[in-house]
Every structure is written in C-alpha cells, then in structure tokens.
Amino acid sequence: MPTEYRFDREASGIVRIAFFEIKDWEEKYLKKGLKGHFLKFSNEVLSLENAQQVKDFDIVSVFIYSKIDRQIIQQIPSLKLIVTRSTGFDHIDLGACKEAGITVCNVPSYGENTVAEHTFALILSLSRNICKTCVRRFGYDFSIEGLKGFDLKGKTIGVIGAGRIGLHVMRIANGFGMNILAYDAYQNKILSEVLGFSYVSLEDLLARSDVITLHVPYNESTRHLINKDTIKLIKKGAVLINTSRGSVVDTEALIEALDKKILAGVGLDVIEGEELIKEEKQLLYDPKNLEVLGNLVKDHILLSKDNVVFTPHIAFYSQEALERILETTLQDVAAFISGNPQNVV
C-alpha cells in the first residue's frame, strides 16, 4: 500500500502536480499517496503540444519517453520540480532546468533484489533443466533422460560486479550454501566479512567458479569483458548468467564456448545488439522497436541451443519493483515540498 503524504498547506500553498506516461493502476496508486492535492494524470508523454495544459503546475513527473527540453520548460513558468520515474535522466535538459531554478529528482534504485531473484531463476533453470522439461512437455515426452541436474550447495558462484544487485545475489547464494567469490573495481572488506565472500581477480574468479554471473554497468571498460581470451580461463563445465547488458559479453566467443563445451549452459536476460532497450525500457517498450527486437531474437543463433535460457530483458519487471518506483516518486515529491529534497540529480 502506498504511504499517504500530506503537506502543510499554509507553509507550501496549493501543490499542483502533473503525472505523464501513467497507466491506470499507477494513477490509482498515486492518488492514494497524495490525497487532498491537486493532481493531473495523462498517459501521454509531456510534449510541446500539451505543456500548456500544465503551465501553472508546480511539479511534473515523467518517465523516460518525455523529452523535456528548454522549449517545454519555458511553457511551464511555475515549474519548480521535475521527478523522473527512472534511474536515468538523460531525457531531461539539466542545464535548462538549472537556469530556470528547477530541481530534478530521480529514482536511484528500485530493483536490486528483483534482478537478483531473476538471476537465480536463470541459474535454477539451467541447474535443474527446467526449460528443457517444459519444451519436452509440449511433445508429450516425459522421460528423464538428459535431464540430470546439479546441486548448488557446495558449488562456487563468481559474482562479477559486487554492487547493490551483486550483493543481493550473494545473500541468496548464502541461502543455497554456495561458496562466493567476487570481482569488483571497488572492494569493501567489511561487507566481504559480513556476507562471507572473497574478493579475487577476474582471472581467479573465472578459473574457480561453477556459476559466473554478471552485474556490471555497460561502459568502455566492461564492453566484451567476457571475450575469447577471458573465456579460455573459465572452468570447464561452468554456467554463465548475464542480467546486466548484452554487450558485456562477446557473442561470438560465447557461441564458441558453448560449442567447445567450455560452458555447460548460459542464462541470458540480455543479448548483444539489443541496444534499443535502455535501462528502464523493459518496463515500457516502445512499440516501434518491438518488431526490431523480435527479429533480433528470432535470428539469434544462441537461442537455438537447448542449453541456453533466454528471457526478454524482464529481470527488473515485477509488480513490487514498479511500486517501489512510485513510492520513491512520492517520497521525492514530499521531501521537496518539506524543503529537504532527496535524490537530486
């Protein structure tokens, strides 16, 4: 249930808040959290054409498809706060906002445990041959030949990227009784002691891990982090999981590793070439891109292999994660009006 935020009317005056790119269930959720305030909801993006409709509003909240530039800002002279319901904020002209005295806030995190849980869904799909079983069922094949799995208890999981998501993965791995290795550019010795994992080099992690899982951001230093050279270091028979970004893994090298049985299986929520999907676009696909993504997936040689499990960039996509986005949005609004803005970008 959403937290209800009531503001001091005498101190803050009438608060006029407009939400764009809103679904029906989100509108109901936000109304419960902002009872008694003047609210406007639209399923459209905020654009130059409809900005006049909110010209006297104090606060505007958008998702990633509303491109807020200088022209739009000029159409809303009373605007004091923009809250984007996303982690990314490159759809907002921060320079123009600064000149106009507009604060911009975001949702810095909302799905760490969600992605971690999905990571283990992929791991278990491989370790217990869940997807193979489902495919056989449609052919009325209920034999168990070729479906022998392996236990996670006692196995070593290597977590590449020990940030918020990676740490959640480690907590879950502890519950399975796994040994945990981590590779990260920044090391926190206290956390390693509390969660019972060891920092090692990338080479050491690849050589010792039965399960390798990727949780790094995409940038020049992580592009093709898993490539033909690093794959040679992987312990034979390991499984690789990628819920980060497709381009962190060199696809050709990955296919070769499967063909040579260096990797016993792969679990992917992302594939190289799907750059049309940004960080939050898995929550709201652009319909124009669906056909492109569909063709990419259909033609992808990786997906023809029965030891590859694929999900279409849905690791973040849970009801609870979506509600956390809205809850943080409500908190951003309340904090700003109380004079103590949070999550300012």
Protein backbone atom coordinates (compact mmCIF):
# COMPACT_ATOMS: atom_id res chain seq x y z
CA MET A 1 0.00 0.00 0.00
CA PRO A 2 1.28 3.50 -0.80
CA THR A 3 2.27 5.82 2.01
CA GLU A 4 -0.07 8.82 2.24
CA TYR A 5 1.78 12.15 2.14
CA ARG A 6 0.00 15.25 3.46
CA PHE A 7 1.68 18.61 3.18
CA ASP A 8 1.34 21.73 5.31
CA ARG A 9 -0.94 23.81 3.08
CA GLU A 10 -0.21 27.04 4.92
CA ALA A 11 3.52 26.54 4.52
CA SER A 12 3.56 25.22 0.98
CA GLY A 13 0.38 26.62 -0.56
CA ILE A 14 -1.64 24.62 -3.07
CA VAL A 15 0.52 21.94 -4.66
CA ARG A 16 -0.29 21.20 -8.30
CA ILE A 17 1.29 18.00 -9.57
CA ALA A 18 1.05 16.55 -13.09
CA PHE A 19 1.97 12.96 -13.94
CA PHE A 20 2.67 11.92 -17.52
CA GLU A 21 3.13 8.45 -19.08
CA ILE A 22 0.86 6.98 -16.41
CA LYS A 23 -1.04 3.68 -16.51
CA ASP A 24 -4.43 3.26 -14.82
CA TRP A 25 -3.13 1.22 -11.88
CA GLU A 26 -0.33 3.76 -11.32
CA GLU A 27 -2.87 6.60 -11.22
CA LYS A 28 -4.84 4.80 -8.51
CA TYR A 29 -1.67 4.17 -6.52
CA LEU A 30 -0.50 7.79 -6.70
CA LYS A 31 -3.95 9.16 -5.82
CA LYS A 32 -3.91 7.13 -2.60
CA GLY A 33 -0.49 8.52 -1.73
CA LEU A 34 -1.40 12.15 -2.49
CA LYS A 35 -4.91 12.52 -1.15
CA GLY A 36 -6.19 16.07 -0.98
CA HIS A 37 -3.75 17.52 -3.52
CA PHE A 38 -4.44 18.88 -6.98
CA LEU A 39 -3.38 16.13 -9.38
CA LYS A 40 -3.45 15.68 -13.12
CA PHE A 41 -2.77 12.37 -14.89
CA SER A 42 -2.06 11.65 -18.54
CA ASN A 43 -0.95 8.53 -20.39
CA GLU A 44 0.73 10.76 -22.98
CA VAL A 45 4.33 11.94 -22.94
CA LEU A 46 4.94 15.54 -21.88
CA SER A 47 5.45 17.44 -25.11
CA LEU A 48 5.43 20.96 -26.50
CA GLU A 49 1.85 20.35 -27.63
CA ASN A 50 0.42 19.55 -24.19
CA ALA A 51 2.79 21.52 -21.95
CA GLN A 52 0.34 24.46 -21.99
CA GLN A 53 -2.16 22.26 -20.15
CA VAL A 54 0.11 22.29 -17.08
CA LYS A 55 1.54 25.80 -17.40
CA ASP A 56 0.53 26.70 -13.84
CA PHE A 57 1.71 23.45 -12.22
CA ASP A 58 4.48 23.30 -9.61
CA ILE A 59 5.62 19.71 -10.08
CA VAL A 60 5.79 17.42 -13.11
CA SER A 61 6.61 13.70 -13.06
CA VAL A 62 7.52 11.80 -16.22
CA PHE A 63 9.00 8.52 -17.45
CA ILE A 64 11.83 8.17 -19.98
CA TYR A 65 9.89 8.95 -23.18
CA SER A 66 9.12 12.55 -22.25
CA LYS A 67 11.96 14.62 -23.69
CA ILE A 68 11.99 17.73 -21.52
CA ASP A 69 13.96 20.44 -23.29
CA ARG A 70 14.28 24.19 -22.96
CA GLN A 71 11.16 24.88 -25.04
CA ILE A 72 8.95 22.72 -22.85
CA ILE A 73 10.39 24.26 -19.69
CA GLN A 74 9.55 27.72 -20.99
CA GLN A 75 5.92 26.65 -21.40
CA ILE A 76 5.64 25.86 -17.67
CA PRO A 77 6.89 29.04 -15.92
CA SER A 78 5.65 27.93 -12.48
CA LEU A 79 7.55 24.63 -12.59
CA LYS A 80 9.74 24.02 -9.54
CA LEU A 81 10.37 20.26 -9.59
CA ILE A 82 10.67 17.50 -12.19
CA VAL A 83 10.61 13.93 -10.90
CA THR A 84 11.55 11.26 -13.41
CA ARG A 85 10.30 7.80 -12.51
CA SER A 86 13.55 6.23 -13.68
CA THR A 87 17.18 5.94 -12.72
CA GLY A 88 18.36 7.55 -15.96
CA PHE A 89 17.73 11.24 -16.59
CA ASP A 90 19.29 11.90 -19.99
CA HIS A 91 15.83 12.76 -21.35
CA ILE A 92 15.86 15.97 -19.30
CA ASP A 93 17.88 19.10 -20.16
CA LEU A 94 19.59 19.62 -16.81
CA GLY A 95 21.28 22.82 -17.97
CA ALA A 96 17.97 24.43 -18.86
CA CYS A 97 16.50 23.26 -15.56
CA LYS A 98 19.36 24.80 -13.61
CA GLU A 99 18.94 28.12 -15.40
CA ALA A 100 15.22 28.09 -14.59
CA GLY A 101 15.77 27.14 -10.96
CA ILE A 102 14.07 23.76 -11.37
CA THR A 103 15.11 20.83 -9.20
CA VAL A 104 15.33 17.42 -10.89
CA CYS A 105 14.98 14.19 -8.89
CA ASN A 106 15.09 10.55 -9.95
CA VAL A 107 14.60 7.02 -8.62
CA PRO A 108 18.18 5.88 -7.99
CA SER A 109 17.30 2.26 -7.25
CA TYR A 110 14.25 0.06 -7.26
CA GLY A 111 15.09 -3.46 -8.41
CA GLU A 112 18.23 -4.82 -6.77
CA ASN A 113 16.53 -7.81 -5.16
CA THR A 114 14.27 -8.20 -8.21
CA VAL A 115 17.21 -8.71 -10.56
CA ALA A 116 18.98 -10.94 -8.03
CA GLU A 117 15.93 -13.19 -7.79
CA HIS A 118 15.69 -13.36 -11.58
CA THR A 119 19.38 -14.26 -11.68
CA PHE A 120 18.67 -17.32 -9.57
CA ALA A 121 15.63 -18.15 -11.67
CA LEU A 122 18.03 -18.43 -14.63
CA ILE A 123 20.57 -20.39 -12.59
CA LEU A 124 17.96 -22.90 -11.41
CA SER A 125 16.51 -23.20 -14.91
CA LEU A 126 19.94 -24.40 -16.00
CA SER A 127 20.95 -26.43 -12.95
CA ARG A 128 17.66 -28.39 -12.96
CA ASN A 129 16.90 -28.31 -16.71
CA ILE A 130 13.56 -26.57 -16.20
CA CYS A 131 13.31 -25.14 -19.71
CA LYS A 132 14.26 -28.44 -21.36
CA THR A 133 11.49 -30.13 -19.37
CA CYS A 134 8.93 -27.52 -20.43
CA VAL A 135 9.83 -27.94 -24.11
CA ARG A 136 9.55 -31.72 -23.87
CA ARG A 137 6.13 -31.46 -22.24
CA PHE A 138 4.67 -29.91 -25.38
CA GLY A 139 5.79 -33.01 -27.27
CA TYR A 140 4.31 -35.29 -24.58
CA ASP A 141 7.82 -36.52 -23.77
CA PHE A 142 8.01 -37.18 -20.04
CA SER A 143 11.26 -39.14 -19.98
CA ILE A 144 14.09 -38.08 -17.68
CA GLU A 145 16.99 -38.95 -19.96
CA GLY A 146 19.34 -35.99 -20.37
CA LEU A 147 17.68 -34.06 -17.53
CA LYS A 148 20.07 -34.85 -14.70
CA GLY A 149 20.88 -31.59 -12.96
CA PHE A 150 23.37 -30.49 -10.32
CA ASP A 151 23.12 -29.16 -6.78
CA LEU A 152 24.03 -25.57 -5.97
CA LYS A 153 25.07 -26.42 -2.42
CA GLY A 154 28.82 -26.54 -2.19
CA LYS A 155 29.34 -25.03 -5.63
CA THR A 156 31.25 -21.78 -6.16
CA ILE A 157 29.46 -18.76 -7.58
CA GLY A 158 31.55 -15.94 -9.03
CA VAL A 159 29.87 -12.53 -8.92
CA ILE A 160 31.36 -10.03 -11.36
CA GLY A 161 30.22 -6.64 -10.06
CA ALA A 162 29.67 -6.54 -6.31
CA GLY A 163 27.33 -3.55 -6.24
CA ARG A 164 23.77 -3.43 -4.98
CA ILE A 165 22.49 -6.22 -7.24
CA GLY A 166 25.60 -8.34 -6.82
CA LEU A 167 25.32 -8.15 -3.04
CA HIS A 168 21.71 -9.38 -3.19
CA VAL A 169 22.89 -12.27 -5.35
CA MET A 170 25.43 -13.14 -2.66
CA ARG A 171 22.79 -13.12 0.08
CA ILE A 172 20.70 -15.58 -1.90
CA ALA A 173 23.76 -17.70 -2.69
CA ASN A 174 24.45 -17.96 1.04
CA GLY A 175 20.99 -19.45 1.47
CA PHE A 176 21.87 -22.16 -1.05
CA GLY A 177 25.09 -22.93 0.79
CA MET A 178 27.34 -21.79 -2.05
CA ASN A 179 30.92 -20.58 -1.85
CA ILE A 180 31.15 -16.99 -3.07
CA LEU A 181 33.85 -15.15 -5.00
CA ALA A 182 33.58 -11.54 -6.16
CA TYR A 183 35.39 -9.34 -8.62
CA ASP A 184 34.87 -5.58 -8.42
CA ALA A 185 36.91 -2.44 -9.04
CA TYR A 186 35.97 -1.23 -5.54
CA GLN A 187 36.33 -3.53 -2.56
CA ASN A 188 34.51 -3.35 0.77
CA LYS A 189 36.28 -5.61 3.25
CA ILE A 190 33.59 -5.19 5.91
CA LEU A 191 30.86 -6.39 3.54
CA SER A 192 33.00 -9.33 2.47
CA GLU A 193 33.32 -10.41 6.09
CA VAL A 194 29.63 -9.94 6.85
CA LEU A 195 28.40 -11.77 3.74
CA GLY A 196 31.20 -14.32 3.74
CA PHE A 197 32.68 -13.81 0.30
CA SER A 198 36.20 -13.28 -1.01
CA TYR A 199 37.44 -10.67 -3.46
CA VAL A 200 39.62 -12.19 -6.17
CA SER A 201 41.00 -11.22 -9.55
CA LEU A 202 38.84 -11.70 -12.63
CA GLU A 203 41.17 -14.47 -13.81
CA ASP A 204 40.91 -16.30 -10.49
CA LEU A 205 37.14 -15.96 -10.41
CA LEU A 206 36.73 -17.39 -13.91
CA ALA A 207 39.03 -20.31 -13.17
CA ARG A 208 37.34 -21.32 -9.90
CA SER A 209 33.62 -20.61 -10.38
CA ASP A 210 30.96 -23.19 -11.24
CA VAL A 211 28.45 -20.37 -11.81
CA ILE A 212 29.53 -16.97 -13.17
CA THR A 213 27.06 -14.10 -13.00
CA LEU A 214 27.48 -10.59 -14.43
CA HIS A 215 26.26 -7.45 -12.62
CA VAL A 216 28.35 -4.62 -14.07
CA PRO A 217 27.23 -1.44 -15.85
CA TYR A 218 27.98 -1.08 -19.55
CA ASN A 219 30.85 1.23 -20.42
CA GLU A 220 34.06 1.13 -22.40
CA SER A 221 35.88 -0.81 -19.71
CA THR A 222 33.20 -3.51 -19.47
CA ARG A 223 32.45 -3.90 -23.19
CA HIS A 224 33.21 -7.52 -24.11
CA LEU A 225 34.53 -8.15 -20.61
CA ILE A 226 33.77 -11.78 -21.40
CA ASN A 227 35.63 -12.41 -24.67
CA LYS A 228 37.66 -15.08 -26.46
CA ASP A 229 40.64 -14.51 -24.17
CA THR A 230 38.78 -14.47 -20.85
CA ILE A 231 36.57 -17.42 -21.82
CA LYS A 232 39.71 -19.55 -22.15
CA LEU A 233 40.18 -19.05 -18.41
CA ILE A 234 36.72 -20.34 -17.46
CA LYS A 235 36.46 -23.59 -15.53
CA LYS A 236 35.18 -26.22 -17.94
CA GLY A 237 31.52 -27.05 -17.37
CA ALA A 238 30.62 -23.74 -15.70
CA VAL A 239 27.42 -21.83 -16.46
CA LEU A 240 27.31 -18.11 -17.28
CA ILE A 241 24.47 -15.74 -16.36
CA ASN A 242 24.04 -12.23 -17.78
CA THR A 243 21.37 -9.88 -16.48
CA SER A 244 23.47 -6.73 -16.94
CA ARG A 245 23.98 -5.62 -20.56
CA GLY A 246 24.26 -7.70 -23.71
CA SER A 247 27.47 -6.09 -24.91
CA VAL A 248 29.36 -7.07 -21.77
CA VAL A 249 29.69 -10.48 -23.48
CA ASP A 250 31.22 -11.09 -26.91
CA THR A 251 28.54 -13.17 -28.65
CA GLU A 252 30.92 -14.98 -31.00
CA ALA A 253 33.12 -16.01 -28.09
CA LEU A 254 30.05 -17.17 -26.17
CA ILE A 255 28.87 -19.38 -29.02
CA GLU A 256 32.34 -20.86 -29.38
CA ALA A 257 32.49 -21.57 -25.63
CA LEU A 258 29.19 -23.46 -25.85
CA ASP A 259 30.25 -25.38 -28.95
CA LYS A 260 33.53 -26.42 -27.30
CA LYS A 261 31.66 -27.29 -24.08
CA ILE A 262 33.72 -24.87 -22.03
CA LEU A 263 30.36 -23.59 -20.83
CA ALA A 264 27.69 -26.13 -19.94
CA GLY A 265 24.93 -23.58 -20.16
CA VAL A 266 24.07 -19.90 -20.40
CA GLY A 267 21.25 -17.85 -18.89
CA LEU A 268 20.57 -14.52 -20.59
CA ASP A 269 18.17 -11.70 -19.87
CA VAL A 270 20.06 -9.52 -22.36
CA ILE A 271 21.70 -10.18 -25.71
CA GLU A 272 24.25 -8.22 -27.68
CA GLY A 273 22.58 -5.97 -30.24
CA GLU A 274 19.57 -5.02 -28.17
CA GLU A 275 20.85 -1.51 -27.51
CA LEU A 276 17.42 -0.18 -28.41
CA ILE A 277 16.45 -1.24 -24.89
CA LYS A 278 17.65 1.24 -22.30
CA GLU A 279 17.85 0.67 -18.58
CA GLU A 280 14.16 1.17 -17.90
CA LYS A 281 12.72 0.37 -21.32
CA GLN A 282 11.99 -3.15 -20.18
CA LEU A 283 9.23 -1.51 -18.13
CA LEU A 284 7.65 0.29 -21.07
CA TYR A 285 8.57 -0.92 -24.53
CA ASP A 286 8.43 1.48 -27.43
CA PRO A 287 6.03 -0.33 -29.81
CA LYS A 288 8.10 0.83 -32.80
CA ASN A 289 11.03 -1.22 -31.51
CA LEU A 290 9.17 -4.46 -30.82
CA GLU A 291 9.45 -5.75 -34.40
CA VAL A 292 13.17 -4.99 -34.47
CA LEU A 293 13.69 -6.79 -31.17
CA GLY A 294 11.55 -9.70 -32.34
CA ASN A 295 13.64 -10.17 -35.48
CA LEU A 296 16.84 -9.90 -33.48
CA VAL A 297 15.72 -12.64 -31.13
CA LYS A 298 14.36 -14.85 -33.94
CA ASP A 299 17.62 -14.74 -35.87
CA HIS A 300 19.91 -15.12 -32.88
CA ILE A 301 21.91 -18.35 -33.15
CA LEU A 302 22.33 -18.53 -29.39
CA LEU A 303 18.64 -19.08 -28.86
CA SER A 304 18.59 -22.25 -30.95
CA LYS A 305 20.70 -24.05 -28.35
CA ASP A 306 18.86 -26.10 -25.74
CA ASN A 307 21.39 -25.22 -23.03
CA VAL A 308 20.65 -21.51 -23.38
CA VAL A 309 17.85 -19.97 -21.32
CA PHE A 310 16.62 -16.56 -22.53
CA THR A 311 14.21 -14.01 -21.09
CA PRO A 312 13.39 -10.73 -22.90
CA HIS A 313 15.01 -8.17 -20.57
CA ILE A 314 12.49 -8.68 -17.76
CA ALA A 315 14.82 -9.05 -14.77
CA PHE A 316 13.54 -5.72 -13.37
CA TYR A 317 9.91 -6.37 -14.27
CA SER A 318 8.00 -7.19 -11.09
CA GLN A 319 4.95 -5.58 -9.53
CA GLU A 320 6.91 -4.77 -6.39
CA ALA A 321 9.70 -3.06 -8.34
CA LEU A 322 7.14 -0.93 -10.17
CA GLU A 323 5.53 0.01 -6.87
CA ARG A 324 8.93 0.95 -5.43
CA ILE A 325 9.36 3.35 -8.32
CA LEU A 326 6.08 5.03 -7.44
CA GLU A 327 6.84 5.03 -3.72
CA THR A 328 10.20 6.73 -4.28
CA THR A 329 8.46 9.23 -6.57
CA LEU A 330 6.03 10.06 -3.75
CA GLN A 331 8.94 10.43 -1.35
CA ASP A 332 10.77 12.74 -3.79
CA VAL A 333 7.70 14.96 -4.01
CA ALA A 334 7.15 15.04 -0.25
CA ALA A 335 10.82 15.73 0.52
CA PHE A 336 10.95 18.62 -1.94
CA ILE A 337 7.85 20.31 -0.57
CA SER A 338 9.10 19.91 3.00
CA GLY A 339 12.26 21.77 1.98
CA ASN A 340 14.60 18.77 2.11
CA PRO A 341 14.82 17.46 -1.47
CA GLN A 342 16.22 13.97 -1.97
CA ASN A 343 17.61 12.06 -4.95
CA VAL A 344 18.56 15.31 -6.65
CA VAL A 345 20.46 14.83 -9.94
